[in-house]
């Protein structure tokens, strides 16, 4: 079922499937709800699975004058919960990439509404790796960034971040990019640069502490072959070793399409746990 959520006179498209306790799956950049197809198919028989396209992505509106920030993403998440009438439910949120900071910000204000928070290959620190700095620099270069923001450039970028380059992975990337209609190149750049500039950088400097202080069940899913976020996840594990974590060895950045069966197994284990049993899954390895 397609649901349209209103946010500041713009429309955010949300796919809602199944029935049961709600599970929100939040994509990052440059993806959309298609990222989670394998997880929707796996979970919808037991849960209400909710997969939005963030504003600026997929089939949602793409206003050119909008400030694409973690704070606005948090507000969008709040509208999704309110307009889908999920306030009385205990939610599980699974977030990837730049969806992670938005989920953490929302969770910090609504801990009573959360059952579990699961972070996949997400950002926890400001400019943590050389690749963080290099990518930010390259995306800011005129000419080069236009090439990188083309359909061909994005497809090449995503394939390079995928460990599983089988037909299924390539097909998923093609379908993700096809779902972005229309998606002007300048907007593509805004949606990656604005969240991590200015206020976003300040927010990332304290995000790990915000996350670890949440009084909700927290889990990490870590892909060891991810050149973008593995160092973020590794540093968080080093600083806070008590947070339950699953490690997928042969997996790149886009876990949901890179190793879908492994991720489905992990999410199944997490969602099957009784409340308060988070420590029983610590140091899981797939």
C-alpha atoms as a PDB file:
ATOM      1  CA  UNK A   1       0.000   0.000   0.000  1.00  0.00           C
ATOM      2  CA  UNK A   2       1.281   3.470  -0.888  1.00  0.00           C
ATOM      3  CA  UNK A   3       0.720   6.196   1.691  1.00  0.00           C
ATOM      4  CA  UNK A   4       1.467   9.860   1.094  1.00  0.00           C
ATOM      5  CA  UNK A   5       2.696  11.823   4.100  1.00  0.00           C
ATOM      6  CA  UNK A   6       2.438  15.605   4.091  1.00  0.00           C
ATOM      7  CA  UNK A   7       5.455  17.614   5.247  1.00  0.00           C
ATOM      8  CA  UNK A   8       5.576  21.402   4.803  1.00  0.00           C
ATOM      9  CA  UNK A   9       3.276  21.184   1.757  1.00  0.00           C
ATOM     10  CA  UNK A  10       5.416  18.463   0.224  1.00  0.00           C
ATOM     11  CA  UNK A  11       4.629  14.772  -0.200  1.00  0.00           C
ATOM     12  CA  UNK A  12       6.721  11.963   1.256  1.00  0.00           C
ATOM     13  CA  UNK A  13       5.837   8.577  -0.213  1.00  0.00           C
ATOM     14  CA  UNK A  14       5.762   5.613   2.163  1.00  0.00           C
ATOM     15  CA  UNK A  15       5.249   1.935   1.333  1.00  0.00           C
ATOM     16  CA  UNK A  16       3.337   0.054   4.045  1.00  0.00           C
ATOM     17  CA  UNK A  17       3.053  -3.728   3.853  1.00  0.00           C
ATOM     18  CA  UNK A  18       1.962  -6.480   6.226  1.00  0.00           C
ATOM     19  CA  UNK A  19       0.394  -6.380   9.678  1.00  0.00           C
ATOM     20  CA  UNK A  20       1.695  -6.649  13.211  1.00  0.00           C
ATOM     21  CA  UNK A  21       4.232  -4.673  15.202  1.00  0.00           C
ATOM     22  CA  UNK A  22       5.660  -1.827  13.093  1.00  0.00           C
ATOM     23  CA  UNK A  23       9.195  -1.962  11.693  1.00  0.00           C
ATOM     24  CA  UNK A  24      10.502   1.183   9.982  1.00  0.00           C
ATOM     25  CA  UNK A  25      13.302   0.711   7.459  1.00  0.00           C
ATOM     26  CA  UNK A  26      15.139   3.974   6.697  1.00  0.00           C
ATOM     27  CA  UNK A  27      17.401   4.252   3.642  1.00  0.00           C
ATOM     28  CA  UNK A  28      20.434   6.456   3.159  1.00  0.00           C
ATOM     29  CA  UNK A  29      22.111   8.142   0.177  1.00  0.00           C
ATOM     30  CA  UNK A  30      21.720   7.670  -2.781  1.00  0.00           C
ATOM     31  CA  UNK A  31      19.072   5.017  -2.203  1.00  0.00           C
ATOM     32  CA  UNK A  32      15.324   4.901  -1.613  1.00  0.00           C
ATOM     33  CA  UNK A  33      12.698   2.418  -0.393  1.00  0.00           C
ATOM     34  CA  UNK A  34      13.702  -0.079  -3.106  1.00  0.00           C
ATOM     35  CA  UNK A  35      16.847  -0.765  -1.047  1.00  0.00           C
ATOM     36  CA  UNK A  36      14.717  -2.783   1.381  1.00  0.00           C
ATOM     37  CA  UNK A  37      12.770  -4.989  -1.044  1.00  0.00           C
ATOM     38  CA  UNK A  38      14.250  -8.262   0.255  1.00  0.00           C
ATOM     39  CA  UNK A  39      13.597  -7.254   3.859  1.00  0.00           C
ATOM     40  CA  UNK A  40      10.015  -6.212   3.113  1.00  0.00           C
ATOM     41  CA  UNK A  41       9.357  -9.546   1.443  1.00  0.00           C
ATOM     42  CA  UNK A  42      10.844 -11.420   4.397  1.00  0.00           C
ATOM     43  CA  UNK A  43       9.186  -9.495   7.237  1.00  0.00           C
ATOM     44  CA  UNK A  44       5.748  -8.505   5.953  1.00  0.00           C
ATOM     45  CA  UNK A  45       4.128 -11.829   6.944  1.00  0.00           C
ATOM     46  CA  UNK A  46       4.857 -11.087  10.614  1.00  0.00           C
ATOM     47  CA  UNK A  47       5.210  -7.306  10.886  1.00  0.00           C
ATOM     48  CA  UNK A  48       3.896  -4.058   9.524  1.00  0.00           C
ATOM     49  CA  UNK A  49       6.864  -2.991   7.402  1.00  0.00           C
ATOM     50  CA  UNK A  50       7.160   0.724   6.638  1.00  0.00           C
ATOM     51  CA  UNK A  51       9.664   1.989   4.063  1.00  0.00           C
ATOM     52  CA  UNK A  52       9.636   5.704   3.213  1.00  0.00           C
ATOM     53  CA  UNK A  53      11.442   7.575   0.483  1.00  0.00           C
ATOM     54  CA  UNK A  54      13.036  10.516   2.260  1.00  0.00           C
ATOM     55  CA  UNK A  55      12.106  13.921   0.864  1.00  0.00           C
ATOM     56  CA  UNK A  56      14.378  14.481  -2.138  1.00  0.00           C
ATOM     57  CA  UNK A  57      14.630  10.762  -2.975  1.00  0.00           C
ATOM     58  CA  UNK A  58      12.714   8.092  -4.874  1.00  0.00           C
ATOM     59  CA  UNK A  59       9.065   8.915  -5.475  1.00  0.00           C
ATOM     60  CA  UNK A  60       8.848  11.637  -2.812  1.00  0.00           C
ATOM     61  CA  UNK A  61       8.791  15.329  -3.714  1.00  0.00           C
ATOM     62  CA  UNK A  62      12.136  16.946  -4.493  1.00  0.00           C
ATOM     63  CA  UNK A  63      11.948  20.656  -3.600  1.00  0.00           C
ATOM     64  CA  UNK A  64      15.025  22.522  -4.785  1.00  0.00           C
ATOM     65  CA  UNK A  65      14.837  25.123  -2.001  1.00  0.00           C
ATOM     66  CA  UNK A  66      14.536  22.652   0.896  1.00  0.00           C
ATOM     67  CA  UNK A  67      17.393  22.373   3.410  1.00  0.00           C
ATOM     68  CA  UNK A  68      18.293  18.696   3.401  1.00  0.00           C
ATOM     69  CA  UNK A  69      19.488  18.208   6.967  1.00  0.00           C
ATOM     70  CA  UNK A  70      19.369  15.554   9.659  1.00  0.00           C
ATOM     71  CA  UNK A  71      16.999  17.799  11.598  1.00  0.00           C
ATOM     72  CA  UNK A  72      14.521  17.971   8.722  1.00  0.00           C
ATOM     73  CA  UNK A  73      14.764  14.189   8.294  1.00  0.00           C
ATOM     74  CA  UNK A  74      13.962  13.824  11.995  1.00  0.00           C
ATOM     75  CA  UNK A  75      10.875  16.008  11.503  1.00  0.00           C
ATOM     76  CA  UNK A  76       9.805  13.932   8.499  1.00  0.00           C
ATOM     77  CA  UNK A  77      10.142  10.775  10.592  1.00  0.00           C
ATOM     78  CA  UNK A  78       7.975  12.374  13.257  1.00  0.00           C
ATOM     79  CA  UNK A  79       5.294  13.132  10.640  1.00  0.00           C
ATOM     80  CA  UNK A  80       5.423   9.551   9.340  1.00  0.00           C
ATOM     81  CA  UNK A  81       4.826   8.199  12.840  1.00  0.00           C
ATOM     82  CA  UNK A  82       2.042  10.707  13.529  1.00  0.00           C
ATOM     83  CA  UNK A  83       0.205  10.471  10.205  1.00  0.00           C
ATOM     84  CA  UNK A  84       0.350   6.671  10.127  1.00  0.00           C
ATOM     85  CA  UNK A  85      -1.069   6.686  13.681  1.00  0.00           C
ATOM     86  CA  UNK A  86       1.848   4.753  15.139  1.00  0.00           C
ATOM     87  CA  UNK A  87       2.081   6.806  18.361  1.00  0.00           C
ATOM     88  CA  UNK A  88       0.639   4.026  20.500  1.00  0.00           C
ATOM     89  CA  UNK A  89       2.976   1.374  19.120  1.00  0.00           C
ATOM     90  CA  UNK A  90       6.459   0.339  20.193  1.00  0.00           C
ATOM     91  CA  UNK A  91       8.502   0.789  17.035  1.00  0.00           C
ATOM     92  CA  UNK A  92      11.563  -0.964  15.730  1.00  0.00           C
ATOM     93  CA  UNK A  93      13.665   1.313  13.531  1.00  0.00           C
ATOM     94  CA  UNK A  94      16.330  -0.062  11.211  1.00  0.00           C
ATOM     95  CA  UNK A  95      18.448   2.681   9.634  1.00  0.00           C
ATOM     96  CA  UNK A  96      21.230   2.741   7.032  1.00  0.00           C
ATOM     97  CA  UNK A  97      23.824   5.371   6.131  1.00  0.00           C
ATOM     98  CA  UNK A  98      22.494   8.955   6.580  1.00  0.00           C
ATOM     99  CA  UNK A  99      19.179   7.518   7.738  1.00  0.00           C
ATOM    100  CA  UNK A 100      21.007   6.620  10.965  1.00  0.00           C
ATOM    101  CA  UNK A 101      21.623  10.122  12.386  1.00  0.00           C
ATOM    102  CA  UNK A 102      18.006  11.109  11.674  1.00  0.00           C
ATOM    103  CA  UNK A 103      16.762   7.992  13.486  1.00  0.00           C
ATOM    104  CA  UNK A 104      19.008   8.695  16.474  1.00  0.00           C
ATOM    105  CA  UNK A 105      17.829  12.303  16.709  1.00  0.00           C
ATOM    106  CA  UNK A 106      14.201  11.191  16.594  1.00  0.00           C
ATOM    107  CA  UNK A 107      14.835   8.435  19.140  1.00  0.00           C
ATOM    108  CA  UNK A 108      16.441  10.889  21.561  1.00  0.00           C
ATOM    109  CA  UNK A 109      13.112  12.749  21.742  1.00  0.00           C
ATOM    110  CA  UNK A 110      10.775   9.725  21.623  1.00  0.00           C
ATOM    111  CA  UNK A 111      12.425   6.921  23.549  1.00  0.00           C
ATOM    112  CA  UNK A 112       9.082   5.851  24.993  1.00  0.00           C
ATOM    113  CA  UNK A 113       7.843   5.019  21.475  1.00  0.00           C
ATOM    114  CA  UNK A 114      10.771   2.772  20.594  1.00  0.00           C
ATOM    115  CA  UNK A 115      11.300  -0.917  21.118  1.00  0.00           C
ATOM    116  CA  UNK A 116      14.587  -1.338  19.246  1.00  0.00           C
ATOM    117  CA  UNK A 117      17.016   0.732  17.210  1.00  0.00           C
ATOM    118  CA  UNK A 118      19.220  -1.086  14.678  1.00  0.00           C
ATOM    119  CA  UNK A 119      22.059   0.762  12.940  1.00  0.00           C
ATOM    120  CA  UNK A 120      23.481  -0.524   9.627  1.00  0.00           C
ATOM    121  CA  UNK A 121      26.686   1.012   8.232  1.00  0.00           C
ATOM    122  CA  UNK A 122      25.855   4.493   9.439  1.00  0.00           C
ATOM    123  CA  UNK A 123      27.669   7.702  10.340  1.00  0.00           C
ATOM    124  CA  UNK A 124      28.526   8.300  13.982  1.00  0.00           C
ATOM    125  CA  UNK A 125      31.396  10.790  13.733  1.00  0.00           C
ATOM    126  CA  UNK A 126      32.449  13.861  11.753  1.00  0.00           C
ATOM    127  CA  UNK A 127      34.994  13.214   8.981  1.00  0.00           C
ATOM    128  CA  UNK A 128      36.242  10.010  10.543  1.00  0.00           C
ATOM    129  CA  UNK A 129      38.126   8.504   7.601  1.00  0.00           C
ATOM    130  CA  UNK A 130      40.335   9.788   4.752  1.00  0.00           C
ATOM    131  CA  UNK A 131      37.574   8.664   2.379  1.00  0.00           C
ATOM    132  CA  UNK A 132      35.096  10.902   4.230  1.00  0.00           C
ATOM    133  CA  UNK A 133      37.317  13.910   3.584  1.00  0.00           C
ATOM    134  CA  UNK A 134      38.193  12.941   0.018  1.00  0.00           C
ATOM    135  CA  UNK A 135      34.554  12.308  -0.920  1.00  0.00           C
ATOM    136  CA  UNK A 136      33.449  15.622   0.562  1.00  0.00           C
ATOM    137  CA  UNK A 137      36.213  17.414  -1.353  1.00  0.00           C
ATOM    138  CA  UNK A 138      35.432  15.691  -4.668  1.00  0.00           C
ATOM    139  CA  UNK A 139      31.692  16.300  -4.390  1.00  0.00           C
ATOM    140  CA  UNK A 140      32.477  19.997  -4.005  1.00  0.00           C
ATOM    141  CA  UNK A 141      34.473  20.264  -7.251  1.00  0.00           C
ATOM    142  CA  UNK A 142      32.546  21.726 -10.212  1.00  0.00           C
ATOM    143  CA  UNK A 143      32.622  19.480 -13.261  1.00  0.00           C
ATOM    144  CA  UNK A 144      33.755  16.409 -11.360  1.00  0.00           C
ATOM    145  CA  UNK A 145      30.683  16.461  -9.152  1.00  0.00           C
ATOM    146  CA  UNK A 146      28.424  16.770 -12.210  1.00  0.00           C
ATOM    147  CA  UNK A 147      29.993  13.637 -13.630  1.00  0.00           C
ATOM    148  CA  UNK A 148      29.701  11.826 -10.293  1.00  0.00           C
ATOM    149  CA  UNK A 149      26.049  12.865  -9.945  1.00  0.00           C
ATOM    150  CA  UNK A 150      25.095  11.517 -13.386  1.00  0.00           C
ATOM    151  CA  UNK A 151      23.199   8.239 -13.603  1.00  0.00           C
ATOM    152  CA  UNK A 152      26.338   6.531 -14.860  1.00  0.00           C
ATOM    153  CA  UNK A 153      28.451   8.074 -12.106  1.00  0.00           C
ATOM    154  CA  UNK A 154      26.063   7.048  -9.328  1.00  0.00           C
ATOM    155  CA  UNK A 155      25.738   3.541 -10.724  1.00  0.00           C
ATOM    156  CA  UNK A 156      29.516   3.170 -10.805  1.00  0.00           C
ATOM    157  CA  UNK A 157      29.825   4.535  -7.267  1.00  0.00           C
ATOM    158  CA  UNK A 158      27.227   2.150  -5.889  1.00  0.00           C
ATOM    159  CA  UNK A 159      28.709  -0.859  -7.689  1.00  0.00           C
ATOM    160  CA  UNK A 160      32.138  -0.038  -6.259  1.00  0.00           C
ATOM    161  CA  UNK A 161      30.638  -0.074  -2.762  1.00  0.00           C
ATOM    162  CA  UNK A 162      28.987  -3.451  -3.347  1.00  0.00           C
ATOM    163  CA  UNK A 163      30.894  -6.607  -2.457  1.00  0.00           C
ATOM    164  CA  UNK A 164      28.316  -8.890  -4.106  1.00  0.00           C
ATOM    165  CA  UNK A 165      28.478  -7.965  -7.788  1.00  0.00           C
ATOM    166  CA  UNK A 166      26.206 -10.789  -8.909  1.00  0.00           C
ATOM    167  CA  UNK A 167      23.267 -10.062 -11.180  1.00  0.00           C
ATOM    168  CA  UNK A 168      20.924  -9.628  -8.198  1.00  0.00           C
ATOM    169  CA  UNK A 169      23.059  -6.822  -6.764  1.00  0.00           C
ATOM    170  CA  UNK A 170      23.457  -5.051 -10.106  1.00  0.00           C
ATOM    171  CA  UNK A 171      19.722  -5.346 -10.770  1.00  0.00           C
ATOM    172  CA  UNK A 172      18.883  -3.880  -7.370  1.00  0.00           C
ATOM    173  CA  UNK A 173      21.142  -0.875  -7.976  1.00  0.00           C
ATOM    174  CA  UNK A 174      19.591  -0.325 -11.410  1.00  0.00           C
ATOM    175  CA  UNK A 175      16.087  -0.416  -9.905  1.00  0.00           C
ATOM    176  CA  UNK A 176      17.064   1.937  -7.065  1.00  0.00           C
ATOM    177  CA  UNK A 177      18.333   4.512  -9.542  1.00  0.00           C
ATOM    178  CA  UNK A 178      15.289   4.057 -11.797  1.00  0.00           C
ATOM    179  CA  UNK A 179      13.016   4.814  -8.860  1.00  0.00           C
ATOM    180  CA  UNK A 180      14.521   8.314  -8.551  1.00  0.00           C
ATOM    181  CA  UNK A 181      12.257  10.036 -11.059  1.00  0.00           C
ATOM    182  CA  UNK A 182      12.882  12.900 -11.571  1.00  0.00           C
ATOM    183  CA  UNK A 183      16.129  13.580  -9.660  1.00  0.00           C
ATOM    184  CA  UNK A 184      18.059  16.624 -10.956  1.00  0.00           C
ATOM    185  CA  UNK A 185      21.834  16.443 -10.597  1.00  0.00           C
ATOM    186  CA  UNK A 186      22.053  19.572  -8.446  1.00  0.00           C
ATOM    187  CA  UNK A 187      19.527  18.099  -6.043  1.00  0.00           C
ATOM    188  CA  UNK A 188      21.508  14.860  -5.829  1.00  0.00           C
ATOM    189  CA  UNK A 189      24.450  16.927  -4.659  1.00  0.00           C
ATOM    190  CA  UNK A 190      22.386  18.841  -2.105  1.00  0.00           C
ATOM    191  CA  UNK A 191      21.073  15.647  -0.544  1.00  0.00           C
ATOM    192  CA  UNK A 192      24.594  14.374   0.171  1.00  0.00           C
ATOM    193  CA  UNK A 193      26.411  17.613   1.080  1.00  0.00           C
ATOM    194  CA  UNK A 194      23.849  19.500   3.156  1.00  0.00           C
ATOM    195  CA  UNK A 195      23.314  16.851   5.871  1.00  0.00           C
ATOM    196  CA  UNK A 196      27.043  16.755   6.721  1.00  0.00           C
ATOM    197  CA  UNK A 197      27.823  20.484   6.397  1.00  0.00           C
ATOM    198  CA  UNK A 198      27.530  23.202   9.017  1.00  0.00           C
ATOM    199  CA  UNK A 199      24.999  22.155  11.630  1.00  0.00           C
ATOM    200  CA  UNK A 200      25.281  18.554  10.465  1.00  0.00           C
ATOM    201  CA  UNK A 201      28.998  18.422  11.223  1.00  0.00           C
ATOM    202  CA  UNK A 202      28.398  19.792  14.713  1.00  0.00           C
ATOM    203  CA  UNK A 203      25.692  17.203  15.260  1.00  0.00           C
ATOM    204  CA  UNK A 204      27.961  14.348  14.173  1.00  0.00           C
ATOM    205  CA  UNK A 205      30.565  15.397  16.723  1.00  0.00           C
ATOM    206  CA  UNK A 206      28.248  14.263  19.533  1.00  0.00           C
ATOM    207  CA  UNK A 207      26.114  11.656  17.758  1.00  0.00           C
ATOM    208  CA  UNK A 208      27.883   8.586  19.151  1.00  0.00           C
ATOM    209  CA  UNK A 209      27.309   9.792  22.700  1.00  0.00           C
ATOM    210  CA  UNK A 210      23.664  10.594  21.932  1.00  0.00           C
ATOM    211  CA  UNK A 211      23.182   7.090  20.541  1.00  0.00           C
ATOM    212  CA  UNK A 212      24.849   5.266  23.414  1.00  0.00           C
ATOM    213  CA  UNK A 213      22.857   7.212  26.019  1.00  0.00           C
ATOM    214  CA  UNK A 214      19.494   6.163  24.571  1.00  0.00           C
ATOM    215  CA  UNK A 215      17.513   4.059  27.015  1.00  0.00           C
ATOM    216  CA  UNK A 216      16.311   1.668  24.309  1.00  0.00           C
ATOM    217  CA  UNK A 217      17.621  -1.628  22.955  1.00  0.00           C
ATOM    218  CA  UNK A 218      20.368  -0.852  20.455  1.00  0.00           C
ATOM    219  CA  UNK A 219      22.084  -3.061  17.879  1.00  0.00           C
ATOM    220  CA  UNK A 220      24.789  -2.650  15.279  1.00  0.00           C
ATOM    221  CA  UNK A 221      25.067  -4.473  11.951  1.00  0.00           C
ATOM    222  CA  UNK A 222      28.603  -4.020  10.664  1.00  0.00           C
ATOM    223  CA  UNK A 223      29.894  -4.776   7.158  1.00  0.00           C
ATOM    224  CA  UNK A 224      33.659  -5.236   7.226  1.00  0.00           C
ATOM    225  CA  UNK A 225      34.176  -4.463   3.519  1.00  0.00           C
ATOM    226  CA  UNK A 226      32.496  -1.058   3.672  1.00  0.00           C
ATOM    227  CA  UNK A 227      35.071   1.685   2.908  1.00  0.00           C
ATOM    228  CA  UNK A 228      32.626   4.443   3.872  1.00  0.00           C
ATOM    229  CA  UNK A 229      31.263   3.578   7.304  1.00  0.00           C
ATOM    230  CA  UNK A 230      33.195   0.599   8.657  1.00  0.00           C
ATOM    231  CA  UNK A 231      35.611   2.849  10.534  1.00  0.00           C
ATOM    232  CA  UNK A 232      32.671   4.698  12.094  1.00  0.00           C
ATOM    233  CA  UNK A 233      31.144   1.428  13.263  1.00  0.00           C
ATOM    234  CA  UNK A 234      34.491   0.025  14.405  1.00  0.00           C
ATOM    235  CA  UNK A 235      35.284   3.112  16.477  1.00  0.00           C
ATOM    236  CA  UNK A 236      31.865   2.974  18.117  1.00  0.00           C
ATOM    237  CA  UNK A 237      32.417  -0.690  18.986  1.00  0.00           C
ATOM    238  CA  UNK A 238      35.824   0.113  20.458  1.00  0.00           C
ATOM    239  CA  UNK A 239      34.414   2.900  22.604  1.00  0.00           C
ATOM    240  CA  UNK A 240      31.218   1.074  23.606  1.00  0.00           C
ATOM    241  CA  UNK A 241      31.908  -2.677  23.435  1.00  0.00           C
ATOM    242  CA  UNK A 242      28.738  -3.585  25.331  1.00  0.00           C
ATOM    243  CA  UNK A 243      26.431  -2.641  22.447  1.00  0.00           C
ATOM    244  CA  UNK A 244      25.296  -5.897  20.759  1.00  0.00           C
ATOM    245  CA  UNK A 245      26.730  -6.175  17.263  1.00  0.00           C
ATOM    246  CA  UNK A 246      26.510  -8.453  14.246  1.00  0.00           C
ATOM    247  CA  UNK A 247      29.392  -8.493  11.779  1.00  0.00           C
ATOM    248  CA  UNK A 248      28.946  -9.525   8.140  1.00  0.00           C
ATOM    249  CA  UNK A 249      32.422 -10.270   6.805  1.00  0.00           C
ATOM    250  CA  UNK A 250      31.902 -10.387   3.045  1.00  0.00           C
ATOM    251  CA  UNK A 251      29.723  -7.330   2.626  1.00  0.00           C
ATOM    252  CA  UNK A 252      30.069  -3.777   1.372  1.00  0.00           C
ATOM    253  CA  UNK A 253      28.201  -0.592   2.144  1.00  0.00           C
ATOM    254  CA  UNK A 254      24.721  -1.491   0.864  1.00  0.00           C
ATOM    255  CA  UNK A 255      24.003  -4.398   3.221  1.00  0.00           C
ATOM    256  CA  UNK A 256      20.300  -4.877   2.312  1.00  0.00           C
ATOM    257  CA  UNK A 257      21.140  -5.698  -1.318  1.00  0.00           C
ATOM    258  CA  UNK A 258      24.696  -6.933  -0.853  1.00  0.00           C
ATOM    259  CA  UNK A 259      23.904  -9.756   1.586  1.00  0.00           C
ATOM    260  CA  UNK A 260      20.083  -9.783   1.863  1.00  0.00           C
ATOM    261  CA  UNK A 261      19.727 -13.310   3.244  1.00  0.00           C
ATOM    262  CA  UNK A 262      22.272 -12.692   5.983  1.00  0.00           C
ATOM    263  CA  UNK A 263      20.607  -9.415   6.932  1.00  0.00           C
ATOM    264  CA  UNK A 264      17.178 -11.055   6.967  1.00  0.00           C
ATOM    265  CA  UNK A 265      18.518 -13.701   9.338  1.00  0.00           C
ATOM    266  CA  UNK A 266      19.982 -11.055  11.635  1.00  0.00           C
ATOM    267  CA  UNK A 267      16.810  -8.969  11.697  1.00  0.00           C
ATOM    268  CA  UNK A 268      14.778 -12.109  12.347  1.00  0.00           C
ATOM    269  CA  UNK A 269      16.919 -12.897  15.382  1.00  0.00           C
ATOM    270  CA  UNK A 270      16.694  -9.350  16.733  1.00  0.00           C
ATOM    271  CA  UNK A 271      12.939  -9.061  16.232  1.00  0.00           C
ATOM    272  CA  UNK A 272      12.334 -12.461  17.844  1.00  0.00           C
ATOM    273  CA  UNK A 273      14.117 -11.495  21.067  1.00  0.00           C
ATOM    274  CA  UNK A 274      11.960 -10.783  24.112  1.00  0.00           C
ATOM    275  CA  UNK A 275      12.298  -7.286  25.497  1.00  0.00           C
ATOM    276  CA  UNK A 276      15.443  -6.835  27.547  1.00  0.00           C
ATOM    277  CA  UNK A 277      17.385  -9.701  25.956  1.00  0.00           C
ATOM    278  CA  UNK A 278      19.687  -7.583  23.789  1.00  0.00           C
ATOM    279  CA  UNK A 279      22.900  -8.891  25.319  1.00  0.00           C
ATOM    280  CA  UNK A 280      22.220 -12.433  24.129  1.00  0.00           C
ATOM    281  CA  UNK A 281      23.188 -11.514  20.555  1.00  0.00           C
ATOM    282  CA  UNK A 282      26.413  -9.642  21.263  1.00  0.00           C
ATOM    283  CA  UNK A 283      29.293 -10.365  18.865  1.00  0.00           C
ATOM    284  CA  UNK A 284      27.194 -12.213  16.294  1.00  0.00           C
ATOM    285  CA  UNK A 285      29.115 -12.967  13.109  1.00  0.00           C
ATOM    286  CA  UNK A 286      27.687 -13.966   9.748  1.00  0.00           C
END
